[in-house]
Amino acid sequence: MPDHVLLNARLLDPATGLDAPGSLLVRDGRIADFGTNLGVPDGAATLDVQGACLAPGLVDLRAALGEPGGEHRETIASAAQAAAAGGITTLCALPDTQPAIDDPALVSFLARQASGSLTILPYGAATRGCAGKDLSEFGLLREAGAVAFTDGRRAIGPARLMRLALSYARAFGSFVVQHPEEPSLANGGAATEGERATRMGLPGIPPAAESMMVERDIALARLSGGHVHFAHVSTAAALEAIRRAKAEGLRVTCDTAPPYFDLNETAIGEYRTYAKLSPPLREEADRLAVVAALADGTIDAIASDHQPHDADDKRLPFAQAEPGGTGLATLLAVTLAQVHGGKLPLLEALGLMTDRPAKLLGIEAGRLTKGAPADLVLFSLERGWQVNSGKLPGKAQNTPFDGRALEGRVLGTWKAGQRVFG
């Protein structure tokens, strides 16, 4: 592969605080050099990006791929296409597929499906079949390449089982990702419990279902010395509990997803099933609490929380429709709305999708440094576009952001120096 240089970029690296004009040299799939006065080697190809932002490729902590078993909703190939369009170059795949990723051979299979445009990091199922009864073989799954352990969209309900999971994950240098929702309170629910759910005649899920599970698992992390990571945190009470746990020095981290800082429960409108998510959209006070937790560092990462569904899953009465929305193609742009609104500095917003999740996973990604893989995203901060659920890249189209006007568009994505989008 010949050298190539991206000229006249706005170089952004959250890990080092870099925000400066310059150019970047790619050689043999890695970042060879970058800076303001970078020369162009003889024979190198060049691309003038005309001041567009150049940052590390995004690291997505949480996405469902559909495959194996749900190829009618999404395939690995279609997810890779959507990820490239969203600037995502590394993705953690949830294990609650059919069959569940609870066997070392399945972990290896999923990791090998990584294409030239996307690194796939499999989570191992915390329990066999993600059924919440018996622990999986953590050691074998970890050896096969599992980056952490989770039951995906299902909470690990029994406290004793979660304590054991945290202890075993600690023994193998890993952590447990929890869907923080107390199952007996959440089962059968369709929207956040409150006035809106009552008026619409929808079964409610109390916000306390999230904070109760968070408080319990913080106590178990304290007891076991293990590391618990809470996925898609969405309520003020849960975030305050996590904030206290971090101040105590416990091994507690968390992420959220764009719907929980960009939308509130009014987005379900007149039974709009594309906005039925798990956890459900919350009241405005909770949305504002998520925004504040992004700004003060309580939240460690922003994940796409990509949950693909086909029309048959969504074109049902609201209470019967499947929860979840696509998120790969909109992850960056919806996050940049917080930058445009003055709630987050640009580097901090990017750090939540690059360096910070990469550090959490312990992987070589998410940084603009010499010798690092040339996984890059080029984007315009100001270019506007409108989300259209019928025209998103990839197979699944069930976005809660349908019709949303956004500023910030991916212009190009590179994986190991190869341009895979744009």
Protein backbone atom coordinates (compact mmCIF):
# COMPACT_ATOMS: atom_id res chain seq x y z
CA MET A 1 0.00 0.00 0.00
CA PRO A 2 1.54 3.38 -0.96
CA ASP A 3 1.90 6.17 1.57
CA HIS A 4 -0.92 8.66 1.61
CA VAL A 5 -1.37 12.00 3.29
CA LEU A 6 -4.55 13.71 4.45
CA LEU A 7 -3.85 17.42 3.97
CA ASN A 8 -5.29 20.50 5.65
CA ALA A 9 -7.30 18.75 8.36
CA ARG A 10 -8.41 19.88 11.79
CA LEU A 11 -6.60 17.22 13.82
CA LEU A 12 -8.49 16.11 16.93
CA ASP A 13 -7.15 13.70 19.56
CA PRO A 14 -9.07 13.63 22.86
CA ALA A 15 -6.38 11.50 24.53
CA THR A 16 -3.75 14.25 24.25
CA GLY A 17 -5.96 17.33 23.93
CA LEU A 18 -4.79 17.94 20.36
CA ASP A 19 -6.96 20.37 18.39
CA ALA A 20 -4.87 21.97 15.67
CA PRO A 21 -4.66 22.34 11.91
CA GLY A 22 -2.33 19.95 10.17
CA SER A 23 -1.86 16.89 7.99
CA LEU A 24 -1.52 13.18 8.69
CA LEU A 25 0.66 10.55 6.99
CA VAL A 26 -0.51 6.93 6.73
CA ARG A 27 2.06 4.22 6.04
CA ASP A 28 1.48 0.46 6.08
CA GLY A 29 -1.90 0.89 7.74
CA ARG A 30 -0.60 2.96 10.63
CA ILE A 31 -0.19 6.61 11.52
CA ALA A 32 3.38 7.40 10.56
CA ASP A 33 3.36 11.10 11.39
CA PHE A 34 1.13 14.13 11.73
CA GLY A 35 1.45 17.82 12.45
CA THR A 36 1.28 21.37 11.20
CA ASN A 37 4.35 21.35 8.96
CA LEU A 38 4.18 17.78 7.73
CA GLY A 39 5.91 17.17 4.43
CA VAL A 40 4.65 14.89 1.68
CA PRO A 41 6.98 11.94 0.94
CA ASP A 42 7.89 11.27 -2.68
CA GLY A 43 5.26 9.13 -4.36
CA ALA A 44 2.66 9.55 -1.63
CA ALA A 45 -0.98 9.98 -2.59
CA THR A 46 -2.64 13.07 -1.17
CA LEU A 47 -6.16 14.12 -0.25
CA ASP A 48 -6.97 17.72 0.64
CA VAL A 49 -9.77 17.54 3.20
CA GLN A 50 -10.21 21.33 3.26
CA GLY A 51 -10.37 21.89 6.98
CA ALA A 52 -12.66 19.00 7.89
CA CYS A 53 -12.24 17.36 11.32
CA LEU A 54 -9.99 14.28 11.46
CA ALA A 55 -10.29 12.15 14.60
CA PRO A 56 -9.68 8.56 15.72
CA GLY A 57 -12.28 6.06 14.50
CA LEU A 58 -15.10 5.60 16.99
CA VAL A 59 -15.10 2.73 19.48
CA ASP A 60 -18.65 1.51 20.11
CA LEU A 61 -19.09 -0.31 23.41
CA ARG A 62 -22.49 -1.84 22.72
CA ALA A 63 -24.23 -3.07 19.59
CA ALA A 64 -26.40 -6.02 18.60
CA LEU A 65 -25.47 -7.48 15.23
CA GLY A 66 -28.40 -9.84 14.67
CA GLU A 67 -26.09 -12.55 13.38
CA PRO A 68 -26.12 -15.42 14.24
CA GLY A 69 -29.82 -16.21 14.30
CA GLY A 70 -31.29 -12.79 13.54
CA GLU A 71 -30.05 -12.18 10.02
CA HIS A 72 -33.53 -10.98 9.01
CA ARG A 73 -32.90 -7.96 11.27
CA GLU A 74 -29.23 -7.30 10.60
CA THR A 75 -26.19 -9.15 9.34
CA ILE A 76 -22.56 -8.58 10.22
CA ALA A 77 -22.01 -7.23 6.71
CA SER A 78 -24.91 -4.77 6.91
CA ALA A 79 -23.86 -3.65 10.39
CA ALA A 80 -20.32 -3.07 9.12
CA GLN A 81 -21.73 -0.90 6.34
CA ALA A 82 -23.72 1.19 8.82
CA ALA A 83 -20.77 1.42 11.22
CA ALA A 84 -18.46 2.72 8.49
CA ALA A 85 -21.03 5.34 7.54
CA GLY A 86 -21.10 6.43 11.18
CA GLY A 87 -17.32 6.60 11.59
CA ILE A 88 -17.18 3.49 13.83
CA THR A 89 -14.10 1.32 13.31
CA THR A 90 -14.27 -0.88 16.44
CA LEU A 91 -17.46 -2.41 17.80
CA CYS A 92 -18.30 -4.60 20.81
CA ALA A 93 -20.93 -7.19 19.86
CA LEU A 94 -23.56 -8.32 22.36
CA PRO A 95 -23.80 -12.07 22.99
CA ASP A 96 -27.58 -12.53 23.28
CA THR A 97 -27.92 -13.94 19.79
CA GLN A 98 -29.38 -17.29 18.70
CA PRO A 99 -27.39 -19.23 19.75
CA ALA A 100 -25.93 -17.09 22.51
CA ILE A 101 -22.17 -16.46 22.48
CA ASP A 102 -21.55 -18.74 25.46
CA ASP A 103 -19.03 -21.10 23.84
CA PRO A 104 -15.37 -20.38 22.99
CA ALA A 105 -15.91 -21.54 19.40
CA LEU A 106 -18.68 -18.96 18.98
CA VAL A 107 -16.48 -16.20 20.41
CA SER A 108 -13.75 -17.11 17.94
CA PHE A 109 -16.27 -17.31 15.09
CA LEU A 110 -17.62 -13.83 15.81
CA ALA A 111 -14.17 -12.28 16.13
CA ARG A 112 -13.17 -13.80 12.79
CA GLN A 113 -16.14 -12.13 11.10
CA ALA A 114 -14.43 -8.77 11.37
CA SER A 115 -14.25 -7.29 7.90
CA GLY A 116 -11.71 -4.94 6.42
CA SER A 117 -13.87 -2.07 7.62
CA LEU A 118 -14.62 -3.05 11.21
CA THR A 119 -12.98 -4.73 14.20
CA ILE A 120 -15.54 -6.82 16.09
CA LEU A 121 -14.86 -7.46 19.78
CA PRO A 122 -17.24 -10.12 21.14
CA TYR A 123 -18.72 -10.04 24.60
CA GLY A 124 -19.04 -13.45 26.17
CA ALA A 125 -22.39 -14.47 27.61
CA ALA A 126 -22.27 -14.11 31.39
CA THR A 127 -24.70 -17.01 31.80
CA ARG A 128 -25.36 -20.02 29.59
CA GLY A 129 -27.76 -19.06 26.87
CA CYS A 130 -28.01 -15.60 28.48
CA ALA A 131 -30.74 -17.28 30.53
CA GLY A 132 -29.64 -15.96 33.93
CA LYS A 133 -29.29 -19.37 35.62
CA ASP A 134 -25.76 -20.83 35.35
CA LEU A 135 -22.52 -18.98 34.73
CA SER A 136 -20.68 -19.53 31.48
CA GLU A 137 -17.05 -20.68 31.39
CA PHE A 138 -15.43 -17.28 31.85
CA GLY A 139 -11.85 -18.50 31.55
CA LEU A 140 -12.39 -20.31 28.27
CA LEU A 141 -14.43 -17.45 26.81
CA ARG A 142 -11.79 -14.93 27.83
CA GLU A 143 -9.03 -17.07 26.31
CA ALA A 144 -11.02 -17.24 23.07
CA GLY A 145 -11.19 -13.44 22.87
CA ALA A 146 -14.20 -12.24 24.89
CA VAL A 147 -13.53 -8.65 26.01
CA ALA A 148 -15.99 -8.79 28.94
CA PHE A 149 -19.15 -10.61 30.05
CA THR A 150 -22.81 -9.67 29.83
CA ASP A 151 -26.25 -11.08 29.15
CA GLY A 152 -26.87 -8.20 26.76
CA ARG A 153 -30.41 -6.88 26.92
CA ARG A 154 -31.25 -9.06 29.92
CA ALA A 155 -30.33 -8.18 33.47
CA ILE A 156 -28.39 -10.69 35.54
CA GLY A 157 -31.15 -10.97 38.12
CA PRO A 158 -30.09 -13.25 41.02
CA ALA A 159 -27.75 -11.39 43.38
CA ARG A 160 -25.66 -14.47 44.18
CA LEU A 161 -25.13 -15.13 40.47
CA MET A 162 -24.05 -11.53 39.87
CA ARG A 163 -21.64 -11.70 42.80
CA LEU A 164 -20.05 -14.84 41.35
CA ALA A 165 -19.88 -13.26 37.90
CA LEU A 166 -18.05 -10.22 39.27
CA SER A 167 -15.61 -12.42 41.20
CA TYR A 168 -14.83 -14.67 38.23
CA ALA A 169 -14.50 -11.75 35.83
CA ARG A 170 -12.04 -10.14 38.23
CA ALA A 171 -10.00 -13.35 38.34
CA PHE A 172 -9.65 -13.23 34.55
CA GLY A 173 -8.82 -9.52 34.35
CA SER A 174 -12.19 -8.52 32.98
CA PHE A 175 -15.54 -7.00 34.00
CA VAL A 176 -19.29 -7.56 33.82
CA VAL A 177 -21.65 -5.35 31.82
CA GLN A 178 -25.08 -5.14 33.41
CA HIS A 179 -28.42 -4.14 31.87
CA PRO A 180 -29.54 -2.20 34.96
CA GLU A 181 -33.22 -3.00 35.28
CA GLU A 182 -34.76 -5.00 38.11
CA PRO A 183 -36.55 -7.74 36.14
CA SER A 184 -39.61 -8.22 38.33
CA LEU A 185 -40.37 -4.49 38.12
CA ALA A 186 -39.62 -4.17 34.41
CA ASN A 187 -41.26 -7.30 32.99
CA GLY A 188 -44.22 -6.47 30.78
CA GLY A 189 -43.55 -2.74 30.85
CA ALA A 190 -43.56 -0.57 27.74
CA ALA A 191 -42.89 3.01 28.87
CA THR A 192 -41.64 4.92 31.89
CA GLU A 193 -44.21 4.76 34.66
CA GLY A 194 -45.92 8.11 35.18
CA GLU A 195 -48.56 10.44 33.85
CA ARG A 196 -47.82 9.87 30.17
CA ALA A 197 -47.91 6.07 30.42
CA THR A 198 -51.15 6.26 32.41
CA ARG A 199 -52.83 8.58 29.90
CA MET A 200 -51.77 6.31 27.02
CA GLY A 201 -52.88 3.16 28.80
CA LEU A 202 -49.38 1.65 28.64
CA PRO A 203 -47.90 -0.67 31.28
CA GLY A 204 -45.21 1.29 33.08
CA ILE A 205 -41.65 0.58 34.20
CA PRO A 206 -40.76 2.61 37.30
CA PRO A 207 -37.47 4.55 37.03
CA ALA A 208 -36.56 2.95 40.36
CA ALA A 209 -36.14 -0.37 38.52
CA GLU A 210 -32.87 1.06 37.17
CA SER A 211 -31.55 2.67 40.35
CA MET A 212 -32.40 -0.38 42.48
CA MET A 213 -30.32 -2.64 40.26
CA VAL A 214 -27.48 -0.12 40.18
CA GLU A 215 -27.45 0.19 43.98
CA ARG A 216 -27.51 -3.59 44.40
CA ASP A 217 -24.66 -4.20 41.97
CA ILE A 218 -22.56 -1.43 43.49
CA ALA A 219 -22.91 -3.27 46.80
CA LEU A 220 -21.88 -6.50 45.08
CA ALA A 221 -18.87 -4.78 43.48
CA ARG A 222 -17.86 -3.60 46.94
CA LEU A 223 -18.29 -7.12 48.30
CA SER A 224 -16.46 -8.93 45.51
CA GLY A 225 -13.86 -6.38 44.48
CA GLY A 226 -15.05 -6.86 40.92
CA HIS A 227 -15.66 -4.32 38.18
CA VAL A 228 -19.25 -3.67 37.16
CA HIS A 229 -20.12 -1.59 34.11
CA PHE A 230 -23.67 -0.31 33.76
CA ALA A 231 -25.01 -0.01 30.21
CA HIS A 232 -27.29 2.72 28.82
CA VAL A 233 -27.85 4.49 32.14
CA SER A 234 -30.88 6.76 31.83
CA THR A 235 -32.04 8.07 35.23
CA ALA A 236 -30.84 10.74 37.63
CA ALA A 237 -31.04 8.41 40.66
CA ALA A 238 -28.86 5.74 39.04
CA LEU A 239 -26.28 8.31 37.96
CA GLU A 240 -26.08 9.75 41.46
CA ALA A 241 -25.46 6.27 42.87
CA ILE A 242 -22.68 5.71 40.31
CA ARG A 243 -21.19 9.10 41.14
CA ARG A 244 -21.02 8.17 44.85
CA ALA A 245 -19.52 4.76 44.06
CA LYS A 246 -16.76 6.34 41.99
CA ALA A 247 -16.00 8.80 44.78
CA GLU A 248 -15.65 5.80 47.10
CA GLY A 249 -13.07 4.30 44.74
CA LEU A 250 -15.11 1.28 43.67
CA ARG A 251 -14.57 -0.33 40.29
CA VAL A 252 -17.75 1.05 38.74
CA THR A 253 -18.14 2.48 35.23
CA CYS A 254 -21.07 3.22 32.94
CA ASP A 255 -22.16 4.31 29.52
CA THR A 256 -25.24 5.90 28.02
CA ALA A 257 -26.66 6.15 24.50
CA PRO A 258 -27.77 9.14 22.39
CA PRO A 259 -31.54 8.68 22.92
CA TYR A 260 -31.13 9.24 26.65
CA PHE A 261 -29.51 12.66 26.29
CA ASP A 262 -31.23 13.80 23.08
CA LEU A 263 -34.83 12.61 23.56
CA ASN A 264 -37.34 12.31 26.36
CA GLU A 265 -40.55 10.34 26.75
CA THR A 266 -42.53 12.80 24.60
CA ALA A 267 -40.80 11.23 21.57
CA ILE A 268 -43.14 8.23 21.77
CA GLY A 269 -45.86 10.65 20.60
CA GLU A 270 -48.99 8.84 19.52
CA TYR A 271 -47.69 5.30 20.11
CA ARG A 272 -44.58 5.75 17.94
CA THR A 273 -42.97 2.33 18.21
CA TYR A 274 -39.63 3.43 16.71
CA ALA A 275 -39.16 5.33 19.97
CA LYS A 276 -39.90 2.30 22.14
CA LEU A 277 -36.53 1.48 23.68
CA SER A 278 -35.05 -0.53 26.52
CA PRO A 279 -34.67 1.16 28.94
CA PRO A 280 -37.60 3.36 27.95
CA LEU A 281 -37.24 7.05 27.25
CA ARG A 282 -37.44 9.07 30.46
CA GLU A 283 -38.81 12.35 31.78
CA GLU A 284 -37.03 15.59 30.89
CA ALA A 285 -35.42 15.83 34.35
CA ASP A 286 -33.68 12.51 33.78
CA ARG A 287 -32.52 13.55 30.31
CA LEU A 288 -30.96 16.67 31.79
CA ALA A 289 -29.28 14.57 34.49
CA VAL A 290 -27.68 12.42 31.75
CA VAL A 291 -26.41 15.57 30.02
CA ALA A 292 -24.92 16.79 33.31
CA ALA A 293 -23.28 13.39 33.94
CA LEU A 294 -21.65 13.50 30.51
CA ALA A 295 -20.22 16.90 31.33
CA ASP A 296 -18.91 16.07 34.81
CA GLY A 297 -17.28 12.77 33.81
CA THR A 298 -19.60 10.41 35.66
CA ILE A 299 -20.41 8.68 32.37
CA ASP A 300 -17.41 6.89 30.86
CA ALA A 301 -18.60 6.35 27.31
CA ILE A 302 -21.34 6.93 24.77
CA ALA A 303 -22.39 3.75 22.95
CA SER A 304 -24.67 3.37 19.97
CA ASP A 305 -26.86 0.80 21.77
CA HIS A 306 -27.68 -0.44 18.27
CA GLN A 307 -30.72 -2.76 18.42
CA PRO A 308 -31.89 -3.60 14.90
CA HIS A 309 -35.45 -4.73 14.19
CA ASP A 310 -37.45 -5.32 11.06
CA ALA A 311 -40.86 -3.87 10.29
CA ASP A 312 -42.69 -6.92 11.66
CA ASP A 313 -41.12 -6.29 15.08
CA LYS A 314 -42.18 -2.64 15.16
CA ARG A 315 -45.48 -2.40 13.28
CA LEU A 316 -47.45 -3.70 16.23
CA PRO A 317 -49.44 -2.10 19.06
CA PHE A 318 -46.98 -0.18 21.22
CA ALA A 319 -47.07 -2.57 24.17
CA GLN A 320 -46.38 -5.58 21.90
CA ALA A 321 -43.69 -3.99 19.71
CA GLU A 322 -40.06 -4.97 20.29
CA PRO A 323 -37.97 -2.34 22.12
CA GLY A 324 -34.78 -0.95 20.61
CA GLY A 325 -33.49 1.33 17.90
CA THR A 326 -30.66 1.47 15.40
CA GLY A 327 -27.78 3.72 16.33
CA LEU A 328 -24.62 3.11 14.31
CA ALA A 329 -25.07 5.74 11.61
CA THR A 330 -26.36 8.42 14.00
CA LEU A 331 -23.97 7.98 16.96
CA LEU A 332 -21.57 10.77 16.07
CA ALA A 333 -24.05 13.31 14.75
CA VAL A 334 -26.48 13.07 17.67
CA THR A 335 -23.58 13.39 20.12
CA LEU A 336 -22.34 16.46 18.25
CA ALA A 337 -25.71 18.09 18.95
CA GLN A 338 -24.50 18.41 22.56
CA VAL A 339 -21.42 20.23 21.26
CA HIS A 340 -23.50 22.59 19.13
CA GLY A 341 -25.76 23.21 22.13
CA GLY A 342 -22.83 24.19 24.33
CA LYS A 343 -23.25 21.27 26.73
CA LEU A 344 -19.99 19.45 25.86
CA PRO A 345 -16.65 20.61 24.45
CA LEU A 346 -15.81 18.89 21.17
CA LEU A 347 -12.81 16.96 22.47
CA GLU A 348 -14.72 15.70 25.50
CA ALA A 349 -17.59 14.52 23.31
CA LEU A 350 -15.20 12.68 20.99
CA GLY A 351 -13.32 11.22 23.94
CA LEU A 352 -16.50 9.51 25.13
CA MET A 353 -16.58 7.63 21.81
CA THR A 354 -12.86 7.00 21.26
CA ASP A 355 -10.15 7.10 23.91
CA ARG A 356 -12.28 6.45 27.00
CA PRO A 357 -14.05 3.30 25.78
CA ALA A 358 -10.73 2.05 24.33
CA LYS A 359 -9.08 2.47 27.75
CA LEU A 360 -11.95 0.66 29.41
CA LEU A 361 -11.48 -2.28 27.04
CA GLY A 362 -7.68 -2.15 27.20
CA ILE A 363 -7.29 -2.04 23.42
CA GLU A 364 -5.04 -0.21 20.97
CA ALA A 365 -7.60 2.15 19.46
CA GLY A 366 -9.14 5.57 19.83
CA ARG A 367 -5.99 7.71 19.57
CA LEU A 368 -4.09 9.80 17.05
CA THR A 369 -0.54 8.82 17.92
CA LYS A 370 2.47 7.79 15.85
CA GLY A 371 2.45 4.05 15.30
CA ALA A 372 -1.25 3.64 16.12
CA PRO A 373 -3.56 1.91 13.64
CA ALA A 374 -4.81 4.36 11.03
CA ASP A 375 -8.45 3.96 12.08
CA LEU A 376 -9.83 7.40 11.31
CA VAL A 377 -13.03 9.35 10.86
CA LEU A 378 -13.27 12.52 8.80
CA PHE A 379 -16.33 14.67 9.44
CA SER A 380 -17.79 18.08 8.90
CA LEU A 381 -18.87 19.73 12.13
CA GLU A 382 -21.41 22.00 10.46
CA ARG A 383 -22.81 20.08 7.49
CA GLY A 384 -26.50 19.44 8.08
CA TRP A 385 -28.62 16.42 7.21
CA GLN A 386 -31.93 14.89 8.19
CA VAL A 387 -32.37 11.35 9.47
CA ASN A 388 -34.62 9.33 7.18
CA SER A 389 -35.52 5.88 8.45
CA GLY A 390 -35.93 4.60 4.92
CA LYS A 391 -32.48 5.68 3.75
CA LEU A 392 -30.09 4.75 6.55
CA PRO A 393 -27.08 2.61 5.66
CA GLY A 394 -27.32 -1.01 6.72
CA LYS A 395 -30.31 -3.31 6.86
CA ALA A 396 -32.27 -2.10 9.89
CA GLN A 397 -34.12 1.23 9.78
CA ASN A 398 -35.87 1.43 13.17
CA THR A 399 -34.38 4.70 14.38
CA PRO A 400 -35.94 6.80 17.15
CA PHE A 401 -34.37 9.83 15.41
CA ASP A 402 -36.47 9.56 12.25
CA GLY A 403 -36.96 13.11 10.91
CA ARG A 404 -34.37 14.63 13.25
CA ALA A 405 -32.32 17.46 11.72
CA LEU A 406 -28.64 17.13 12.63
CA GLU A 407 -25.42 19.05 12.12
CA GLY A 408 -22.28 16.97 11.69
CA ARG A 409 -21.75 14.51 8.89
CA VAL A 410 -19.21 11.74 8.35
CA LEU A 411 -17.25 12.40 5.14
CA GLY A 412 -14.89 9.45 5.27
CA THR A 413 -13.83 6.48 7.38
CA TRP A 414 -10.49 4.65 7.22
CA LYS A 415 -9.71 1.24 8.71
CA ALA A 416 -6.01 0.39 8.97
CA GLY A 417 -5.35 3.07 6.35
CA GLN A 418 -7.92 1.79 3.86
CA ARG A 419 -10.83 4.07 3.04
CA VAL A 420 -14.03 2.15 3.75
CA PHE A 421 -16.58 4.95 3.50
CA GLY A 422 -16.89 8.23 1.66
